[in-house]
Amino acid sequence: AKGRVWVCEAFNYRFDLNPGNPTRDEGDRILILEDTDGDGKADKETVFYQGTDVNAALGIAVLGNRVIVSCSPNVFVFTDENGDDKADKKELLFTNIDGEQSDHAVHAFLF
C-alpha cells in the first residue's frame, strides 16, 4: 500500500523450541518499511503494531485502513482509524485454526 512494504516480524519465532535464541518480551511487530528518498532502500521504519499476540505472524493483507494479520490460531483485523500508521483497533476475525504446527495453518490472504 502507498508503495510501502509491510512486514510481519518473527523475532519470537518458536522460542519455546529454541530456548537459546533471544526474545523480545514486548512481542513481535507489524512494520511498515518505506523508501522516503527514492534510492531503492527502505530508510524509514514505522511500528504499526507490537504485541505477543502477533508473535511469528505468517501473513498480512493491507486493505485501505484495515490490516488482516494471520497468527495461528487467530486471524486479526487491525484498523488505523486516524491515518497515523498505528493500529487503533484490533478485532478477532476468527480463531481456533488448527494445524500440526502453527506454520501449517493459516497464512496470507488475497482479495
Protein backbone atom coordinates (compact mmCIF):
# COMPACT_ATOMS: atom_id res chain seq x y z
CA ALA A 1 0.00 0.00 0.00
CA LYS A 2 1.27 3.50 -0.94
CA GLY A 3 4.45 1.94 -2.34
CA ARG A 4 5.49 0.67 1.07
CA VAL A 5 6.39 -2.80 2.30
CA TRP A 6 4.51 -4.28 5.25
CA VAL A 7 6.39 -6.89 7.30
CA CYS A 8 5.32 -9.47 9.88
CA GLU A 9 8.33 -9.75 12.15
CA ALA A 10 9.08 -13.17 13.65
CA PHE A 11 11.74 -12.37 16.24
CA ASN A 12 9.97 -14.56 18.81
CA TYR A 13 9.51 -17.45 16.38
CA ARG A 14 9.27 -20.77 18.20
CA PHE A 15 11.03 -19.50 21.30
CA ASP A 16 9.70 -22.50 23.25
CA LEU A 17 11.57 -24.86 20.88
CA ASN A 18 14.71 -22.68 20.74
CA PRO A 19 15.33 -21.57 24.34
CA GLY A 20 18.82 -20.28 23.49
CA ASN A 21 17.51 -17.72 20.99
CA PRO A 22 16.95 -14.16 22.15
CA THR A 23 13.35 -12.98 22.53
CA ARG A 24 11.57 -9.66 22.80
CA ASP A 25 9.23 -9.54 25.81
CA GLU A 26 7.07 -6.83 24.18
CA GLY A 27 6.25 -9.23 21.36
CA ASP A 28 6.75 -9.19 17.63
CA ARG A 29 5.94 -6.23 15.43
CA ILE A 30 4.00 -5.41 12.32
CA LEU A 31 6.28 -2.97 10.47
CA ILE A 32 5.86 -0.53 7.60
CA LEU A 33 9.06 -0.02 5.59
CA GLU A 34 9.35 3.00 3.35
CA ASP A 35 11.85 4.49 0.90
CA THR A 36 11.46 8.23 1.54
CA ASP A 37 14.42 9.42 -0.54
CA GLY A 38 13.86 7.30 -3.65
CA ASP A 39 17.18 5.42 -3.59
CA GLY A 40 15.52 1.99 -3.65
CA LYS A 41 16.31 1.19 0.00
CA ALA A 42 13.98 1.40 2.98
CA ASP A 43 15.12 4.24 5.21
CA LYS A 44 12.03 4.64 7.38
CA GLU A 45 10.55 2.02 9.69
CA THR A 46 7.19 2.52 11.42
CA VAL A 47 5.82 0.12 14.04
CA PHE A 48 2.15 -0.35 13.12
CA TYR A 49 1.52 -2.78 15.99
CA GLN A 50 3.50 -4.71 18.59
CA GLY A 51 2.37 -7.47 20.93
CA THR A 52 2.80 -11.07 21.98
CA ASP A 53 -0.49 -11.88 20.25
CA VAL A 54 1.28 -11.50 16.87
CA ASN A 55 4.42 -13.48 17.72
CA ALA A 56 5.56 -15.14 14.48
CA ALA A 57 2.63 -13.94 12.39
CA LEU A 58 2.64 -15.64 8.98
CA GLY A 59 0.53 -13.45 6.72
CA ILE A 60 -0.62 -9.90 6.15
CA ALA A 61 -3.04 -8.14 3.81
CA VAL A 62 -3.37 -4.35 3.71
CA LEU A 63 -6.81 -3.20 2.57
CA GLY A 64 -7.08 0.56 2.90
CA ASN A 65 -7.07 1.38 6.60
CA ARG A 66 -7.60 -2.26 7.61
CA VAL A 67 -4.82 -4.79 8.01
CA ILE A 68 -5.56 -8.51 8.24
CA VAL A 69 -2.88 -10.49 10.09
CA SER A 70 -2.77 -14.27 10.42
CA CYS A 71 -1.09 -15.63 13.52
CA SER A 72 -2.32 -19.14 14.27
CA PRO A 73 -4.65 -19.95 15.82
CA ASN A 74 -6.02 -16.44 15.19
CA VAL A 75 -6.75 -14.03 12.38
CA PHE A 76 -6.91 -10.37 13.45
CA VAL A 77 -8.17 -7.25 11.74
CA PHE A 78 -6.33 -4.09 12.78
CA THR A 79 -7.78 -0.71 11.86
CA ASP A 80 -5.92 2.59 11.60
CA GLU A 81 -8.83 4.92 12.30
CA ASN A 82 -6.93 8.22 12.13
CA GLY A 83 -4.34 7.64 9.38
CA ASP A 84 -1.24 7.80 11.61
CA ASP A 85 0.07 4.35 10.55
CA LYS A 86 -0.65 2.91 14.01
CA ALA A 87 -3.29 0.31 14.84
CA ASP A 88 -6.12 1.97 16.76
CA LYS A 89 -8.45 -1.01 16.89
CA LYS A 90 -7.89 -4.78 16.99
CA GLU A 91 -10.62 -7.30 16.28
CA LEU A 92 -10.53 -11.08 16.22
CA LEU A 93 -11.86 -12.13 12.81
CA PHE A 94 -11.76 -15.83 13.63
CA THR A 95 -9.85 -18.30 15.80
CA ASN A 96 -9.23 -21.98 16.56
CA ILE A 97 -7.33 -22.65 13.34
CA ASP A 98 -5.60 -25.97 13.81
CA GLY A 99 -2.53 -27.37 12.20
CA GLU A 100 0.19 -29.78 13.14
CA GLN A 101 2.32 -26.72 13.85
CA SER A 102 1.44 -23.04 13.66
CA ASP A 103 3.46 -22.93 10.43
CA HIS A 104 0.97 -25.26 8.74
CA ALA A 105 -2.27 -23.46 9.47
CA VAL A 106 -3.32 -20.06 8.04
CA HIS A 107 -1.03 -17.81 6.02
CA ALA A 108 -1.68 -14.89 3.67
CA PHE A 109 -4.91 -13.51 2.25
CA LEU A 110 -5.76 -12.44 -1.26
CA PHE A 111 -8.73 -10.33 -2.32
